Amino acid sequence: MEKIFYFLHVILKNEKNMDNSYYNACIAFCVLQFFNIMVPFIYINKYIEFKATKEGAVYIFLPILLLIFYLNYNRFYKRRKIISEKFEKISSKENLNGLLLTWTYLILSFVSVYLMIN
């Protein structure tokens, strides 16, 4: 998890106008985790015919999103210097593996949600 957080930061750091790439990486990581948690609920709602209302979904998913943000903020953002020191010393092969892992996680997260919605 730390590796994905760090490499999200690296990807965002290379973008223009990304002043606070650690914070943006924390937000992006929270959204990705939220997507991955939503997939089973979408599956249940779609195929089991448990028709949840939009209001009910907000009451369920908003606390989950806030909890994910709180946990990731305390686990990753507050320890960003330690995580950076840990992963800045890795070899180029491990660096490539980390970037590949991060891009795979990004793509699979979006694909899984897209497939469940359609």
N, C-alpha and C. Protein backbone atom coordinates (compact mmCIF):
# COMPACT_ATOMS: atom_id res chain seq x y z
N MET A 1 0.82 -1.19 0.00
CA MET A 1 0.00 0.00 0.00
C MET A 1 0.87 1.26 0.00
N GLU A 2 1.95 1.23 0.79
CA GLU A 2 2.84 2.38 0.82
C GLU A 2 3.46 2.60 -0.55
N LYS A 3 3.76 1.49 -1.23
CA LYS A 3 4.39 1.60 -2.55
C LYS A 3 3.44 2.27 -3.53
N ILE A 4 2.18 1.88 -3.52
CA ILE A 4 1.22 2.49 -4.43
C ILE A 4 1.05 3.97 -4.09
N PHE A 5 0.98 4.30 -2.81
CA PHE A 5 0.86 5.70 -2.40
C PHE A 5 2.07 6.50 -2.89
N TYR A 6 3.27 5.96 -2.69
CA TYR A 6 4.48 6.68 -3.09
C TYR A 6 4.51 6.90 -4.61
N PHE A 7 4.18 5.86 -5.36
CA PHE A 7 4.26 6.01 -6.81
C PHE A 7 3.11 6.83 -7.37
N LEU A 8 1.97 6.89 -6.70
CA LEU A 8 0.94 7.87 -7.07
C LEU A 8 1.50 9.28 -6.92
N HIS A 9 2.24 9.49 -5.83
CA HIS A 9 2.89 10.78 -5.61
C HIS A 9 3.89 11.08 -6.73
N VAL A 10 4.67 10.09 -7.13
CA VAL A 10 5.66 10.28 -8.20
C VAL A 10 4.98 10.63 -9.51
N ILE A 11 3.89 9.93 -9.82
CA ILE A 11 3.16 10.21 -11.06
C ILE A 11 2.58 11.62 -11.02
N LEU A 12 1.98 12.00 -9.90
CA LEU A 12 1.38 13.32 -9.79
C LEU A 12 2.42 14.43 -9.72
N LYS A 13 3.58 14.13 -9.16
CA LYS A 13 4.64 15.13 -9.05
C LYS A 13 5.13 15.54 -10.43
N ASN A 14 5.09 14.63 -11.38
CA ASN A 14 5.56 14.93 -12.73
C ASN A 14 4.57 15.74 -13.54
N GLU A 15 3.34 15.89 -13.05
CA GLU A 15 2.34 16.70 -13.74
C GLU A 15 2.56 18.18 -13.42
N LYS A 16 2.17 19.03 -14.35
CA LYS A 16 2.28 20.47 -14.12
C LYS A 16 1.23 20.91 -13.11
N ASN A 17 1.52 21.95 -12.39
CA ASN A 17 0.61 22.57 -11.43
C ASN A 17 0.23 21.63 -10.29
N MET A 18 1.09 20.71 -9.94
CA MET A 18 0.85 19.83 -8.80
C MET A 18 1.76 20.27 -7.65
N ASP A 19 1.32 21.25 -6.91
CA ASP A 19 2.13 21.78 -5.83
C ASP A 19 2.20 20.84 -4.64
N ASN A 20 1.11 20.20 -4.33
CA ASN A 20 1.05 19.33 -3.16
C ASN A 20 0.74 17.90 -3.61
N SER A 21 1.70 17.26 -4.22
CA SER A 21 1.45 15.96 -4.82
C SER A 21 1.20 14.87 -3.78
N TYR A 22 1.72 15.03 -2.57
CA TYR A 22 1.43 14.02 -1.53
C TYR A 22 -0.03 14.05 -1.13
N TYR A 23 -0.57 15.24 -0.94
CA TYR A 23 -1.97 15.37 -0.57
C TYR A 23 -2.87 14.87 -1.71
N ASN A 24 -2.52 15.23 -2.93
CA ASN A 24 -3.29 14.77 -4.08
C ASN A 24 -3.20 13.26 -4.24
N ALA A 25 -2.05 12.69 -3.94
CA ALA A 25 -1.90 11.23 -3.99
C ALA A 25 -2.77 10.58 -2.92
N CYS A 26 -2.87 11.20 -1.76
CA CYS A 26 -3.72 10.68 -0.68
C CYS A 26 -5.19 10.70 -1.11
N ILE A 27 -5.62 11.79 -1.73
CA ILE A 27 -7.00 11.89 -2.21
C ILE A 27 -7.26 10.86 -3.31
N ALA A 28 -6.33 10.74 -4.25
CA ALA A 28 -6.50 9.79 -5.35
C ALA A 28 -6.54 8.36 -4.82
N PHE A 29 -5.70 8.06 -3.86
CA PHE A 29 -5.66 6.72 -3.27
C PHE A 29 -6.98 6.42 -2.54
N CYS A 30 -7.53 7.42 -1.86
CA CYS A 30 -8.82 7.24 -1.18
C CYS A 30 -9.92 6.96 -2.19
N VAL A 31 -9.93 7.69 -3.28
CA VAL A 31 -10.96 7.49 -4.30
C VAL A 31 -10.85 6.09 -4.92
N LEU A 32 -9.62 5.66 -5.20
CA LEU A 32 -9.43 4.33 -5.76
C LEU A 32 -9.88 3.24 -4.80
N GLN A 33 -9.54 3.39 -3.54
CA GLN A 33 -9.99 2.41 -2.55
C GLN A 33 -11.51 2.43 -2.42
N PHE A 34 -12.09 3.60 -2.48
CA PHE A 34 -13.54 3.72 -2.41
C PHE A 34 -14.20 3.02 -3.60
N PHE A 35 -13.62 3.20 -4.79
CA PHE A 35 -14.13 2.49 -5.97
C PHE A 35 -14.10 0.99 -5.74
N ASN A 36 -13.00 0.49 -5.21
CA ASN A 36 -12.86 -0.95 -5.00
C ASN A 36 -13.83 -1.48 -3.94
N ILE A 37 -14.16 -0.66 -2.98
CA ILE A 37 -15.14 -1.06 -1.97
C ILE A 37 -16.55 -1.00 -2.54
N MET A 38 -16.80 -0.06 -3.45
CA MET A 38 -18.12 0.09 -4.04
C MET A 38 -18.52 -1.07 -4.95
N VAL A 39 -17.58 -1.71 -5.59
CA VAL A 39 -17.87 -2.74 -6.59
C VAL A 39 -18.79 -3.83 -6.05
N PRO A 40 -18.52 -4.43 -4.89
CA PRO A 40 -19.46 -5.46 -4.41
C PRO A 40 -20.87 -4.91 -4.14
N PHE A 41 -20.95 -3.68 -3.64
CA PHE A 41 -22.27 -3.09 -3.39
C PHE A 41 -23.02 -2.84 -4.69
N ILE A 42 -22.31 -2.41 -5.71
CA ILE A 42 -22.95 -2.21 -7.01
C ILE A 42 -23.42 -3.55 -7.56
N TYR A 43 -22.60 -4.58 -7.41
CA TYR A 43 -22.95 -5.92 -7.88
C TYR A 43 -24.21 -6.42 -7.17
N ILE A 44 -24.26 -6.25 -5.86
CA ILE A 44 -25.43 -6.68 -5.09
C ILE A 44 -26.67 -5.91 -5.53
N ASN A 45 -26.53 -4.61 -5.68
CA ASN A 45 -27.67 -3.78 -6.07
C ASN A 45 -28.15 -4.11 -7.49
N LYS A 46 -27.23 -4.46 -8.37
CA LYS A 46 -27.58 -4.70 -9.76
C LYS A 46 -28.15 -6.10 -10.01
N TYR A 47 -27.55 -7.11 -9.40
CA TYR A 47 -27.91 -8.48 -9.74
C TYR A 47 -28.79 -9.20 -8.72
N ILE A 48 -28.79 -8.74 -7.50
CA ILE A 48 -29.61 -9.40 -6.48
C ILE A 48 -30.96 -8.70 -6.37
N GLU A 49 -31.15 -7.64 -7.10
CA GLU A 49 -32.40 -6.90 -7.12
C GLU A 49 -32.71 -6.26 -5.76
N PHE A 50 -31.67 -5.89 -5.05
CA PHE A 50 -31.83 -5.10 -3.84
C PHE A 50 -31.70 -3.65 -4.28
N LYS A 51 -32.81 -3.02 -4.51
CA LYS A 51 -32.81 -1.67 -5.07
C LYS A 51 -32.65 -0.63 -3.97
N ALA A 52 -31.42 -0.15 -3.82
CA ALA A 52 -31.15 0.88 -2.84
C ALA A 52 -31.50 2.25 -3.43
N THR A 53 -31.99 3.13 -2.59
CA THR A 53 -32.27 4.49 -3.04
C THR A 53 -30.99 5.30 -3.04
N LYS A 54 -31.02 6.43 -3.73
CA LYS A 54 -29.84 7.30 -3.77
C LYS A 54 -29.54 7.87 -2.39
N GLU A 55 -30.57 8.19 -1.65
CA GLU A 55 -30.37 8.71 -0.29
C GLU A 55 -29.74 7.66 0.61
N GLY A 56 -30.20 6.44 0.47
CA GLY A 56 -29.63 5.35 1.25
C GLY A 56 -28.17 5.11 0.90
N ALA A 57 -27.86 5.22 -0.38
CA ALA A 57 -26.47 5.04 -0.81
C ALA A 57 -25.58 6.13 -0.24
N VAL A 58 -26.09 7.35 -0.19
CA VAL A 58 -25.29 8.45 0.38
C VAL A 58 -25.02 8.18 1.86
N TYR A 59 -26.03 7.71 2.59
CA TYR A 59 -25.85 7.43 4.02
C TYR A 59 -24.89 6.27 4.26
N ILE A 60 -24.77 5.38 3.30
CA ILE A 60 -23.85 4.26 3.45
C ILE A 60 -22.44 4.65 3.00
N PHE A 61 -22.33 5.27 1.83
CA PHE A 61 -21.01 5.47 1.23
C PHE A 61 -20.27 6.70 1.74
N LEU A 62 -20.96 7.73 2.15
CA LEU A 62 -20.27 8.92 2.65
C LEU A 62 -19.46 8.62 3.92
N PRO A 63 -20.01 7.93 4.91
CA PRO A 63 -19.18 7.58 6.07
C PRO A 63 -18.02 6.66 5.70
N ILE A 64 -18.24 5.77 4.74
CA ILE A 64 -17.14 4.89 4.31
C ILE A 64 -16.03 5.72 3.68
N LEU A 65 -16.38 6.68 2.83
CA LEU A 65 -15.38 7.53 2.20
C LEU A 65 -14.63 8.37 3.22
N LEU A 66 -15.34 8.92 4.19
CA LEU A 66 -14.69 9.70 5.24
C LEU A 66 -13.76 8.84 6.09
N LEU A 67 -14.18 7.61 6.39
CA LEU A 67 -13.33 6.69 7.14
C LEU A 67 -12.07 6.34 6.36
N ILE A 68 -12.21 6.08 5.07
CA ILE A 68 -11.06 5.77 4.23
C ILE A 68 -10.09 6.95 4.22
N PHE A 69 -10.62 8.17 4.07
CA PHE A 69 -9.76 9.34 4.07
C PHE A 69 -9.04 9.50 5.40
N TYR A 70 -9.75 9.33 6.50
CA TYR A 70 -9.13 9.45 7.82
C TYR A 70 -8.02 8.43 8.01
N LEU A 71 -8.28 7.19 7.65
CA LEU A 71 -7.27 6.14 7.81
C LEU A 71 -6.07 6.37 6.91
N ASN A 72 -6.30 6.73 5.66
CA ASN A 72 -5.18 6.97 4.75
C ASN A 72 -4.39 8.21 5.12
N TYR A 73 -5.07 9.23 5.60
CA TYR A 73 -4.38 10.44 6.03
C TYR A 73 -3.42 10.12 7.17
N ASN A 74 -3.91 9.35 8.14
CA ASN A 74 -3.05 9.01 9.28
C ASN A 74 -1.99 7.97 8.93
N ARG A 75 -2.32 7.09 8.02
CA ARG A 75 -1.38 6.01 7.69
C ARG A 75 -0.33 6.43 6.67
N PHE A 76 -0.69 7.25 5.71
CA PHE A 76 0.23 7.59 4.63
C PHE A 76 0.67 9.05 4.63
N TYR A 77 -0.29 9.97 4.68
CA TYR A 77 0.08 11.38 4.53
C TYR A 77 0.94 11.88 5.68
N LYS A 78 0.61 11.51 6.89
CA LYS A 78 1.41 11.95 8.03
C LYS A 78 2.80 11.32 8.03
N ARG A 79 2.96 10.18 7.37
CA ARG A 79 4.24 9.48 7.32
C ARG A 79 4.91 9.63 5.95
N ARG A 80 4.55 10.67 5.21
CA ARG A 80 5.03 10.81 3.83
C ARG A 80 6.55 10.94 3.75
N LYS A 81 7.19 11.57 4.71
CA LYS A 81 8.65 11.71 4.67
C LYS A 81 9.33 10.36 4.88
N ILE A 82 8.82 9.57 5.79
CA ILE A 82 9.38 8.24 6.04
C ILE A 82 9.19 7.35 4.82
N ILE A 83 8.01 7.41 4.23
CA ILE A 83 7.72 6.60 3.04
C ILE A 83 8.61 7.03 1.88
N SER A 84 8.80 8.35 1.71
CA SER A 84 9.66 8.84 0.63
C SER A 84 11.09 8.38 0.82
N GLU A 85 11.60 8.48 2.03
CA GLU A 85 12.97 8.04 2.29
C GLU A 85 13.13 6.54 2.01
N LYS A 86 12.10 5.79 2.32
CA LYS A 86 12.14 4.34 2.11
C LYS A 86 12.20 3.99 0.63
N PHE A 87 11.42 4.68 -0.20
CA PHE A 87 11.31 4.30 -1.60
C PHE A 87 12.22 5.09 -2.53
N GLU A 88 12.85 6.17 -2.06
CA GLU A 88 13.79 6.89 -2.90
C GLU A 88 15.10 6.12 -3.07
N LYS A 89 15.34 5.17 -2.21
CA LYS A 89 16.59 4.41 -2.24
C LYS A 89 16.49 3.12 -3.05
N ILE A 90 15.38 2.87 -3.70
CA ILE A 90 15.20 1.60 -4.40
C ILE A 90 15.89 1.64 -5.77
N SER A 91 16.16 0.47 -6.30
CA SER A 91 16.84 0.35 -7.59
C SER A 91 15.88 0.72 -8.73
N SER A 92 16.44 0.87 -9.92
CA SER A 92 15.61 1.24 -11.07
C SER A 92 14.65 0.11 -11.44
N LYS A 93 15.05 -1.15 -11.21
CA LYS A 93 14.15 -2.27 -11.49
C LYS A 93 12.95 -2.25 -10.53
N GLU A 94 13.20 -2.02 -9.25
CA GLU A 94 12.11 -1.91 -8.28
C GLU A 94 11.25 -0.68 -8.56
N ASN A 95 11.88 0.38 -9.04
CA ASN A 95 11.16 1.59 -9.41
C ASN A 95 10.19 1.30 -10.55
N LEU A 96 10.65 0.57 -11.54
CA LEU A 96 9.80 0.19 -12.66
C LEU A 96 8.67 -0.72 -12.20
N ASN A 97 8.98 -1.67 -11.32
CA ASN A 97 7.95 -2.57 -10.77
C ASN A 97 6.89 -1.78 -9.99
N GLY A 98 7.33 -0.78 -9.23
CA GLY A 98 6.39 0.05 -8.47
C GLY A 98 5.48 0.85 -9.37
N LEU A 99 6.05 1.42 -10.43
CA LEU A 99 5.22 2.17 -11.38
C LEU A 99 4.24 1.25 -12.09
N LEU A 100 4.70 0.06 -12.46
CA LEU A 100 3.82 -0.92 -13.11
C LEU A 100 2.69 -1.35 -12.17
N LEU A 101 3.01 -1.60 -10.91
CA LEU A 101 2.00 -1.95 -9.91
C LEU A 101 0.97 -0.84 -9.75
N THR A 102 1.44 0.40 -9.69
CA THR A 102 0.55 1.54 -9.49
C THR A 102 -0.38 1.73 -10.69
N TRP A 103 0.17 1.67 -11.91
CA TRP A 103 -0.67 1.82 -13.10
C TRP A 103 -1.66 0.67 -13.22
N THR A 104 -1.23 -0.54 -12.87
CA THR A 104 -2.14 -1.69 -12.91
C THR A 104 -3.29 -1.48 -11.93
N TYR A 105 -2.98 -1.02 -10.72
CA TYR A 105 -4.00 -0.75 -9.71
C TYR A 105 -4.97 0.33 -10.20
N LEU A 106 -4.43 1.38 -10.80
CA LEU A 106 -5.28 2.46 -11.33
C LEU A 106 -6.23 1.93 -12.40
N ILE A 107 -5.68 1.25 -13.36
CA ILE A 107 -6.49 0.78 -14.49
C ILE A 107 -7.53 -0.24 -14.05
N LEU A 108 -7.13 -1.21 -13.24
CA LEU A 108 -8.08 -2.23 -12.79
C LEU A 108 -9.18 -1.65 -11.91
N SER A 109 -8.86 -0.64 -11.12
CA SER A 109 -9.88 -0.01 -10.29
C SER A 109 -10.95 0.65 -11.15
N PHE A 110 -10.52 1.40 -12.15
CA PHE A 110 -11.49 2.07 -13.02
C PHE A 110 -12.25 1.07 -13.88
N VAL A 111 -11.57 0.05 -14.38
CA VAL A 111 -12.22 -0.96 -15.22
C VAL A 111 -13.28 -1.72 -14.42
N SER A 112 -12.96 -2.08 -13.18
CA SER A 112 -13.93 -2.84 -12.38
C SER A 112 -15.19 -2.04 -12.12
N VAL A 113 -15.03 -0.76 -11.82
CA VAL A 113 -16.21 0.09 -11.59
C VAL A 113 -16.98 0.28 -12.90
N TYR A 114 -16.27 0.51 -13.99
CA TYR A 114 -16.93 0.68 -15.28
C TYR A 114 -17.73 -0.55 -15.67
N LEU A 115 -17.15 -1.73 -15.47
CA LEU A 115 -17.86 -2.96 -15.82
C LEU A 115 -19.08 -3.19 -14.93
N MET A 116 -19.02 -2.78 -13.70
CA MET A 116 -20.17 -2.95 -12.81
C MET A 116 -21.27 -1.96 -13.14
N ILE A 117 -20.91 -0.76 -13.58
CA ILE A 117 -21.93 0.23 -13.88
C ILE A 117 -22.67 -0.10 -15.16
N ASN A 118 -21.95 -0.60 -16.14
CA ASN A 118 -22.59 -0.92 -17.45
C ASN A 118 -23.12 -2.31 -17.49
